[in-house]
Amino acid sequence: MPAENRWPRIDAMEPKEVGDRQLDALLERLDALTAELRSLNRRLDSGENLAPVVHELRSLSESLQALAYAALGQQGPQVRRRRAG
């Protein structure tokens, strides 16, 4: 498929005057979109959306390890904890 046919083409339009009220409405919508993009970028940068996934993966890994030991008929390694005192 040729590159020029991949995307729809917008033909030339006649110039149209935009009234003050329409311009204000457009600017408000652009400001809202900009704020939403900033919010999305902050969340992606902080990685806060990955924390639940990391927790679930850790839990799944521990469960799979327990199942593997059970399938082998063995008990997992015992970890002795020192008593605080």
PDB file of N, CA and C in Angstrom:
ATOM      1  N   MET A   1       0.849  -1.177   0.000  1.00  0.00           N
ATOM      2  CA  MET A   1       0.000   0.000   0.000  1.00  0.00           C
ATOM      3  C   MET A   1       0.895   1.241   0.000  1.00  0.00           C
ATOM      4  N   PRO A   2       0.730   2.133  -0.957  1.00  0.00           N
ATOM      5  CA  PRO A   2       1.567   3.338  -1.017  1.00  0.00           C
ATOM      6  C   PRO A   2       1.366   4.214   0.220  1.00  0.00           C
ATOM      7  N   ALA A   3       2.430   4.902   0.614  1.00  0.00           N
ATOM      8  CA  ALA A   3       2.387   5.733   1.821  1.00  0.00           C
ATOM      9  C   ALA A   3       1.332   6.819   1.738  1.00  0.00           C
ATOM     10  N   GLU A   4       1.097   7.360   0.551  1.00  0.00           N
ATOM     11  CA  GLU A   4       0.152   8.458   0.455  1.00  0.00           C
ATOM     12  C   GLU A   4      -1.291   8.016   0.662  1.00  0.00           C
ATOM     13  N   ASN A   5      -1.587   6.722   0.600  1.00  0.00           N
ATOM     14  CA  ASN A   5      -2.952   6.230   0.785  1.00  0.00           C
ATOM     15  C   ASN A   5      -3.200   5.663   2.178  1.00  0.00           C
ATOM     16  N   ARG A   6      -2.207   5.681   3.051  1.00  0.00           N
ATOM     17  CA  ARG A   6      -2.374   5.119   4.388  1.00  0.00           C
ATOM     18  C   ARG A   6      -3.288   5.947   5.275  1.00  0.00           C
ATOM     19  N   TRP A   7      -3.207   7.224   5.174  1.00  0.00           N
ATOM     20  CA  TRP A   7      -3.962   8.109   6.051  1.00  0.00           C
ATOM     21  C   TRP A   7      -4.990   8.887   5.240  1.00  0.00           C
ATOM     22  N   PRO A   8      -6.154   9.161   5.844  1.00  0.00           N
ATOM     23  CA  PRO A   8      -7.137   9.969   5.122  1.00  0.00           C
ATOM     24  C   PRO A   8      -6.579  11.366   4.857  1.00  0.00           C
ATOM     25  N   ARG A   9      -6.958  11.903   3.756  1.00  0.00           N
ATOM     26  CA  ARG A   9      -6.455  13.216   3.373  1.00  0.00           C
ATOM     27  C   ARG A   9      -7.527  14.276   3.645  1.00  0.00           C
ATOM     28  N   ILE A  10      -7.102  15.389   4.191  1.00  0.00           N
ATOM     29  CA  ILE A  10      -8.009  16.513   4.414  1.00  0.00           C
ATOM     30  C   ILE A  10      -7.759  17.503   3.301  1.00  0.00           C
ATOM     31  N   ASP A  11      -8.781  17.729   2.499  1.00  0.00           N
ATOM     32  CA  ASP A  11      -8.645  18.666   1.391  1.00  0.00           C
ATOM     33  C   ASP A  11      -8.649  20.099   1.911  1.00  0.00           C
ATOM     34  N   ALA A  12      -8.206  20.994   1.074  1.00  0.00           N
ATOM     35  CA  ALA A  12      -8.152  22.414   1.435  1.00  0.00           C
ATOM     36  C   ALA A  12      -9.548  22.904   1.811  1.00  0.00           C
ATOM     37  N   MET A  13      -9.572  23.769   2.794  1.00  0.00           N
ATOM     38  CA  MET A  13     -10.851  24.328   3.243  1.00  0.00           C
ATOM     39  C   MET A  13     -10.827  25.830   3.030  1.00  0.00           C
ATOM     40  N   GLU A  14     -12.010  26.358   2.913  1.00  0.00           N
ATOM     41  CA  GLU A  14     -12.102  27.813   2.789  1.00  0.00           C
ATOM     42  C   GLU A  14     -11.831  28.431   4.149  1.00  0.00           C
ATOM     43  N   PRO A  15     -11.112  29.551   4.159  1.00  0.00           N
ATOM     44  CA  PRO A  15     -10.878  30.232   5.432  1.00  0.00           C
ATOM     45  C   PRO A  15     -12.216  30.644   6.058  1.00  0.00           C
ATOM     46  N   LYS A  16     -12.308  30.487   7.358  1.00  0.00           N
ATOM     47  CA  LYS A  16     -13.538  30.822   8.071  1.00  0.00           C
ATOM     48  C   LYS A  16     -13.172  31.619   9.306  1.00  0.00           C
ATOM     49  N   GLU A  17     -13.918  32.645   9.543  1.00  0.00           N
ATOM     50  CA  GLU A  17     -13.662  33.438  10.740  1.00  0.00           C
ATOM     51  C   GLU A  17     -14.249  32.729  11.951  1.00  0.00           C
ATOM     52  N   VAL A  18     -13.481  32.760  13.026  1.00  0.00           N
ATOM     53  CA  VAL A  18     -13.934  32.164  14.269  1.00  0.00           C
ATOM     54  C   VAL A  18     -14.246  33.296  15.226  1.00  0.00           C
ATOM     55  N   GLY A  19     -15.439  33.252  15.771  1.00  0.00           N
ATOM     56  CA  GLY A  19     -15.843  34.299  16.703  1.00  0.00           C
ATOM     57  C   GLY A  19     -15.119  34.179  18.025  1.00  0.00           C
ATOM     58  N   ASP A  20     -15.189  35.241  18.810  1.00  0.00           N
ATOM     59  CA  ASP A  20     -14.507  35.256  20.112  1.00  0.00           C
ATOM     60  C   ASP A  20     -14.994  34.128  21.020  1.00  0.00           C
ATOM     61  N   ARG A  21     -16.306  33.889  21.032  1.00  0.00           N
ATOM     62  CA  ARG A  21     -16.848  32.842  21.894  1.00  0.00           C
ATOM     63  C   ARG A  21     -16.376  31.465  21.442  1.00  0.00           C
ATOM     64  N   GLN A  22     -16.344  31.256  20.140  1.00  0.00           N
ATOM     65  CA  GLN A  22     -15.871  29.972  19.621  1.00  0.00           C
ATOM     66  C   GLN A  22     -14.394  29.779  19.930  1.00  0.00           C
ATOM     67  N   LEU A  23     -13.628  30.850  19.764  1.00  0.00           N
ATOM     68  CA  LEU A  23     -12.198  30.778  20.059  1.00  0.00           C
ATOM     69  C   LEU A  23     -11.969  30.465  21.535  1.00  0.00           C
ATOM     70  N   ASP A  24     -12.724  31.123  22.413  1.00  0.00           N
ATOM     71  CA  ASP A  24     -12.596  30.846  23.847  1.00  0.00           C
ATOM     72  C   ASP A  24     -12.938  29.391  24.163  1.00  0.00           C
ATOM     73  N   ALA A  25     -13.991  28.885  23.528  1.00  0.00           N
ATOM     74  CA  ALA A  25     -14.382  27.488  23.755  1.00  0.00           C
ATOM     75  C   ALA A  25     -13.287  26.538  23.262  1.00  0.00           C
ATOM     76  N   LEU A  26     -12.718  26.823  22.098  1.00  0.00           N
ATOM     77  CA  LEU A  26     -11.630  25.993  21.577  1.00  0.00           C
ATOM     78  C   LEU A  26     -10.422  26.026  22.500  1.00  0.00           C
ATOM     79  N   LEU A  27     -10.083  27.217  22.981  1.00  0.00           N
ATOM     80  CA  LEU A  27      -8.932  27.338  23.880  1.00  0.00           C
ATOM     81  C   LEU A  27      -9.162  26.595  25.195  1.00  0.00           C
ATOM     82  N   GLU A  28     -10.389  26.631  25.713  1.00  0.00           N
ATOM     83  CA  GLU A  28     -10.701  25.894  26.939  1.00  0.00           C
ATOM     84  C   GLU A  28     -10.538  24.396  26.724  1.00  0.00           C
ATOM     85  N   ARG A  29     -10.999  23.903  25.591  1.00  0.00           N
ATOM     86  CA  ARG A  29     -10.868  22.474  25.297  1.00  0.00           C
ATOM     87  C   ARG A  29      -9.400  22.089  25.134  1.00  0.00           C
ATOM     88  N   LEU A  30      -8.622  22.945  24.479  1.00  0.00           N
ATOM     89  CA  LEU A  30      -7.192  22.670  24.332  1.00  0.00           C
ATOM     90  C   LEU A  30      -6.492  22.676  25.687  1.00  0.00           C
ATOM     91  N   ASP A  31      -6.873  23.595  26.563  1.00  0.00           N
ATOM     92  CA  ASP A  31      -6.295  23.630  27.910  1.00  0.00           C
ATOM     93  C   ASP A  31      -6.628  22.364  28.689  1.00  0.00           C
ATOM     94  N   ALA A  32      -7.862  21.880  28.557  1.00  0.00           N
ATOM     95  CA  ALA A  32      -8.260  20.654  29.249  1.00  0.00           C
ATOM     96  C   ALA A  32      -7.477  19.458  28.715  1.00  0.00           C
ATOM     97  N   LEU A  33      -7.302  19.400  27.405  1.00  0.00           N
ATOM     98  CA  LEU A  33      -6.520  18.312  26.808  1.00  0.00           C
ATOM     99  C   LEU A  33      -5.062  18.363  27.262  1.00  0.00           C
ATOM    100  N   THR A  34      -4.512  19.556  27.325  1.00  0.00           N
ATOM    101  CA  THR A  34      -3.130  19.719  27.780  1.00  0.00           C
ATOM    102  C   THR A  34      -2.979  19.252  29.224  1.00  0.00           C
ATOM    103  N   ALA A  35      -3.933  19.613  30.070  1.00  0.00           N
ATOM    104  CA  ALA A  35      -3.884  19.191  31.471  1.00  0.00           C
ATOM    105  C   ALA A  35      -3.977  17.670  31.585  1.00  0.00           C
ATOM    106  N   GLU A  36      -4.838  17.061  30.789  1.00  0.00           N
ATOM    107  CA  GLU A  36      -4.972  15.606  30.818  1.00  0.00           C
ATOM    108  C   GLU A  36      -3.691  14.922  30.355  1.00  0.00           C
ATOM    109  N   LEU A  37      -3.063  15.443  29.314  1.00  0.00           N
ATOM    110  CA  LEU A  37      -1.802  14.874  28.844  1.00  0.00           C
ATOM    111  C   LEU A  37      -0.704  14.997  29.904  1.00  0.00           C
ATOM    112  N   ARG A  38      -0.655  16.123  30.582  1.00  0.00           N
ATOM    113  CA  ARG A  38       0.338  16.303  31.646  1.00  0.00           C
ATOM    114  C   ARG A  38       0.109  15.284  32.756  1.00  0.00           C
ATOM    115  N   SER A  39      -1.165  15.077  33.104  1.00  0.00           N
ATOM    116  CA  SER A  39      -1.490  14.107  34.143  1.00  0.00           C
ATOM    117  C   SER A  39      -1.079  12.701  33.734  1.00  0.00           C
ATOM    118  N   LEU A  40      -1.370  12.332  32.507  1.00  0.00           N
ATOM    119  CA  LEU A  40      -0.985  11.012  32.007  1.00  0.00           C
ATOM    120  C   LEU A  40       0.532  10.846  31.998  1.00  0.00           C
ATOM    121  N   ASN A  41       1.233  11.866  31.570  1.00  0.00           N
ATOM    122  CA  ASN A  41       2.702  11.805  31.537  1.00  0.00           C
ATOM    123  C   ASN A  41       3.284  11.654  32.939  1.00  0.00           C
ATOM    124  N   ARG A  42       2.714  12.375  33.914  1.00  0.00           N
ATOM    125  CA  ARG A  42       3.204  12.256  35.299  1.00  0.00           C
ATOM    126  C   ARG A  42       3.002  10.834  35.810  1.00  0.00           C
ATOM    127  N   ARG A  43       1.820  10.258  35.536  1.00  0.00           N
ATOM    128  CA  ARG A  43       1.558   8.898  35.995  1.00  0.00           C
ATOM    129  C   ARG A  43       2.488   7.895  35.325  1.00  0.00           C
ATOM    130  N   LEU A  44       2.727   8.068  34.048  1.00  0.00           N
ATOM    131  CA  LEU A  44       3.627   7.156  33.349  1.00  0.00           C
ATOM    132  C   LEU A  44       5.049   7.304  33.850  1.00  0.00           C
ATOM    133  N   ASP A  45       5.463   8.536  34.124  1.00  0.00           N
ATOM    134  CA  ASP A  45       6.824   8.775  34.615  1.00  0.00           C
ATOM    135  C   ASP A  45       7.031   8.176  35.999  1.00  0.00           C
ATOM    136  N   SER A  46       6.022   8.261  36.840  1.00  0.00           N
ATOM    137  CA  SER A  46       6.182   7.771  38.214  1.00  0.00           C
ATOM    138  C   SER A  46       6.031   6.264  38.306  1.00  0.00           C
ATOM    139  N   GLY A  47       5.428   5.646  37.321  1.00  0.00           N
ATOM    140  CA  GLY A  47       5.263   4.198  37.335  1.00  0.00           C
ATOM    141  C   GLY A  47       4.243   3.720  38.347  1.00  0.00           C
ATOM    142  N   GLU A  48       3.425   4.628  38.868  1.00  0.00           N
ATOM    143  CA  GLU A  48       2.458   4.249  39.894  1.00  0.00           C
ATOM    144  C   GLU A  48       1.438   3.239  39.387  1.00  0.00           C
ATOM    145  N   ASN A  49       1.242   3.200  38.091  1.00  0.00           N
ATOM    146  CA  ASN A  49       0.277   2.260  37.545  1.00  0.00           C
ATOM    147  C   ASN A  49       0.830   0.834  37.508  1.00  0.00           C
ATOM    148  N   LEU A  50       2.128   0.657  37.745  1.00  0.00           N
ATOM    149  CA  LEU A  50       2.725  -0.668  37.708  1.00  0.00           C
ATOM    150  C   LEU A  50       2.783  -1.342  39.079  1.00  0.00           C
ATOM    151  N   ALA A  51       2.602  -0.608  40.145  1.00  0.00           N
ATOM    152  CA  ALA A  51       2.718  -1.176  41.490  1.00  0.00           C
ATOM    153  C   ALA A  51       1.776  -2.358  41.708  1.00  0.00           C
ATOM    154  N   PRO A  52       0.501  -2.281  41.345  1.00  0.00           N
ATOM    155  CA  PRO A  52      -0.369  -3.447  41.543  1.00  0.00           C
ATOM    156  C   PRO A  52       0.083  -4.654  40.721  1.00  0.00           C
ATOM    157  N   VAL A  53       0.597  -4.424  39.537  1.00  0.00           N
ATOM    158  CA  VAL A  53       1.070  -5.519  38.699  1.00  0.00           C
ATOM    159  C   VAL A  53       2.285  -6.190  39.333  1.00  0.00           C
ATOM    160  N   VAL A  54       3.206  -5.396  39.869  1.00  0.00           N
ATOM    161  CA  VAL A  54       4.399  -5.937  40.524  1.00  0.00           C
ATOM    162  C   VAL A  54       3.991  -6.783  41.730  1.00  0.00           C
ATOM    163  N   HIS A  55       3.037  -6.298  42.507  1.00  0.00           N
ATOM    164  CA  HIS A  55       2.562  -7.041  43.679  1.00  0.00           C
ATOM    165  C   HIS A  55       1.962  -8.382  43.260  1.00  0.00           C
ATOM    166  N   GLU A  56       1.122  -8.382  42.244  1.00  0.00           N
ATOM    167  CA  GLU A  56       0.494  -9.615  41.777  1.00  0.00           C
ATOM    168  C   GLU A  56       1.527 -10.591  41.220  1.00  0.00           C
ATOM    169  N   LEU A  57       2.519 -10.082  40.494  1.00  0.00           N
ATOM    170  CA  LEU A  57       3.565 -10.954  39.963  1.00  0.00           C
ATOM    171  C   LEU A  57       4.376 -11.603  41.078  1.00  0.00           C
ATOM    172  N   ARG A  58       4.670 -10.844  42.117  1.00  0.00           N
ATOM    173  CA  ARG A  58       5.417 -11.388  43.254  1.00  0.00           C
ATOM    174  C   ARG A  58       4.602 -12.495  43.933  1.00  0.00           C
ATOM    175  N   SER A  59       3.324 -12.243  44.129  1.00  0.00           N
ATOM    176  CA  SER A  59       2.451 -13.239  44.746  1.00  0.00           C
ATOM    177  C   SER A  59       2.345 -14.491  43.875  1.00  0.00           C
ATOM    178  N   LEU A  60       2.199 -14.288  42.587  1.00  0.00           N
ATOM    179  CA  LEU A  60       2.118 -15.419  41.660  1.00  0.00           C
ATOM    180  C   LEU A  60       3.411 -16.229  41.672  1.00  0.00           C
ATOM    181  N   SER A  61       4.545 -15.568  41.714  1.00  0.00           N
ATOM    182  CA  SER A  61       5.828 -16.247  41.749  1.00  0.00           C
ATOM    183  C   SER A  61       5.953 -17.110  42.996  1.00  0.00           C
ATOM    184  N   GLU A  62       5.540 -16.564  44.140  1.00  0.00           N
ATOM    185  CA  GLU A  62       5.606 -17.335  45.386  1.00  0.00           C
ATOM    186  C   GLU A  62       4.681 -18.545  45.318  1.00  0.00           C
ATOM    187  N   SER A  63       3.510 -18.374  44.755  1.00  0.00           N
ATOM    188  CA  SER A  63       2.570 -19.490  44.621  1.00  0.00           C
ATOM    189  C   SER A  63       3.115 -20.565  43.694  1.00  0.00           C
ATOM    190  N   LEU A  64       3.697 -20.149  42.586  1.00  0.00           N
ATOM    191  CA  LEU A  64       4.273 -21.116  41.653  1.00  0.00           C
ATOM    192  C   LEU A  64       5.433 -21.877  42.271  1.00  0.00           C
ATOM    193  N   GLN A  65       6.218 -21.196  43.070  1.00  0.00           N
ATOM    194  CA  GLN A  65       7.338 -21.853  43.745  1.00  0.00           C
ATOM    195  C   GLN A  65       6.811 -22.903  44.725  1.00  0.00           C
ATOM    196  N   ALA A  66       5.768 -22.571  45.476  1.00  0.00           N
ATOM    197  CA  ALA A  66       5.177 -23.522  46.413  1.00  0.00           C
ATOM    198  C   ALA A  66       4.606 -24.725  45.661  1.00  0.00           C
ATOM    199  N   LEU A  67       3.961 -24.483  44.520  1.00  0.00           N
ATOM    200  CA  LEU A  67       3.428 -25.588  43.717  1.00  0.00           C
ATOM    201  C   LEU A  67       4.547 -26.480  43.172  1.00  0.00           C
ATOM    202  N   ALA A  68       5.644 -25.870  42.773  1.00  0.00           N
ATOM    203  CA  ALA A  68       6.766 -26.645  42.253  1.00  0.00           C
ATOM    204  C   ALA A  68       7.329 -27.566  43.324  1.00  0.00           C
ATOM    205  N   TYR A  69       7.504 -27.059  44.549  1.00  0.00           N
ATOM    206  CA  TYR A  69       7.991 -27.897  45.639  1.00  0.00           C
ATOM    207  C   TYR A  69       6.993 -29.007  45.950  1.00  0.00           C
ATOM    208  N   ALA A  70       5.701 -28.677  45.929  1.00  0.00           N
ATOM    209  CA  ALA A  70       4.674 -29.681  46.205  1.00  0.00           C
ATOM    210  C   ALA A  70       4.687 -30.770  45.137  1.00  0.00           C
ATOM    211  N   ALA A  71       4.885 -30.390  43.890  1.00  0.00           N
ATOM    212  CA  ALA A  71       4.921 -31.371  42.802  1.00  0.00           C
ATOM    213  C   ALA A  71       6.118 -32.298  42.948  1.00  0.00           C
ATOM    214  N   LEU A  72       7.197 -31.803  43.512  1.00  0.00           N
ATOM    215  CA  LEU A  72       8.385 -32.624  43.722  1.00  0.00           C
ATOM    216  C   LEU A  72       8.270 -33.463  44.990  1.00  0.00           C
ATOM    217  N   GLY A  73       7.215 -33.218  45.768  1.00  0.00           N
ATOM    218  CA  GLY A  73       7.040 -33.954  47.008  1.00  0.00           C
ATOM    219  C   GLY A  73       7.979 -33.487  48.090  1.00  0.00           C
ATOM    220  N   GLN A  74       8.441 -32.288  47.981  1.00  0.00           N
ATOM    221  CA  GLN A  74       9.368 -31.738  48.963  1.00  0.00           C
ATOM    222  C   GLN A  74       8.746 -30.514  49.608  1.00  0.00           C
ATOM    223  N   GLN A  75       9.336 -30.150  50.695  1.00  0.00           N
ATOM    224  CA  GLN A  75       8.923 -28.931  51.361  1.00  0.00           C
ATOM    225  C   GLN A  75       9.926 -27.840  51.004  1.00  0.00           C
ATOM    226  N   GLY A  76       9.457 -26.657  50.882  1.00  0.00           N
ATOM    227  CA  GLY A  76      10.337 -25.541  50.558  1.00  0.00           C
ATOM    228  C   GLY A  76      11.374 -25.329  51.642  1.00  0.00           C
ATOM    229  N   PRO A  77      12.407 -24.568  51.350  1.00  0.00           N
ATOM    230  CA  PRO A  77      13.447 -24.327  52.356  1.00  0.00           C
ATOM    231  C   PRO A  77      12.868 -23.617  53.577  1.00  0.00           C
ATOM    232  N   GLN A  78      13.310 -24.053  54.721  1.00  0.00           N
ATOM    233  CA  GLN A  78      12.850 -23.435  55.964  1.00  0.00           C
ATOM    234  C   GLN A  78      13.752 -22.254  56.294  1.00  0.00           C
ATOM    235  N   VAL A  79      13.145 -21.169  56.605  1.00  0.00           N
ATOM    236  CA  VAL A  79      13.904 -19.971  56.964  1.00  0.00           C
ATOM    237  C   VAL A  79      13.727 -19.737  58.458  1.00  0.00           C
ATOM    238  N   ARG A  80      14.837 -19.764  59.173  1.00  0.00           N
ATOM    239  CA  ARG A  80      14.759 -19.527  60.621  1.00  0.00           C
ATOM    240  C   ARG A  80      14.983 -18.037  60.869  1.00  0.00           C
ATOM    241  N   ARG A  81      14.098 -17.516  61.620  1.00  0.00           N
ATOM    242  CA  ARG A  81      14.201 -16.090  61.959  1.00  0.00           C
ATOM    243  C   ARG A  81      14.750 -15.939  63.376  1.00  0.00           C
ATOM    244  N   ARG A  82      15.610 -14.979  63.540  1.00  0.00           N
ATOM    245  CA  ARG A  82      16.152 -14.727  64.876  1.00  0.00           C
ATOM    246  C   ARG A  82      15.099 -14.019  65.697  1.00  0.00           C
ATOM    247  N   ARG A  83      15.070 -14.397  66.934  1.00  0.00           N
ATOM    248  CA  ARG A  83      14.140 -13.725  67.840  1.00  0.00           C
ATOM    249  C   ARG A  83      14.728 -12.383  68.256  1.00  0.00           C
ATOM    250  N   ALA A  84      13.869 -11.396  68.245  1.00  0.00           N
ATOM    251  CA  ALA A  84      14.316 -10.073  68.693  1.00  0.00           C
ATOM    252  C   ALA A  84      14.433 -10.099  70.200  1.00  0.00           C
ATOM    253  N   GLY A  85      15.487  -9.582  70.701  1.00  0.00           N
ATOM    254  CA  GLY A  85      15.562  -9.629  72.145  1.00  0.00           C
ATOM    255  C   GLY A  85      16.802  -9.203  72.643  1.00  0.00           C
TER     256      GLY A  85
END
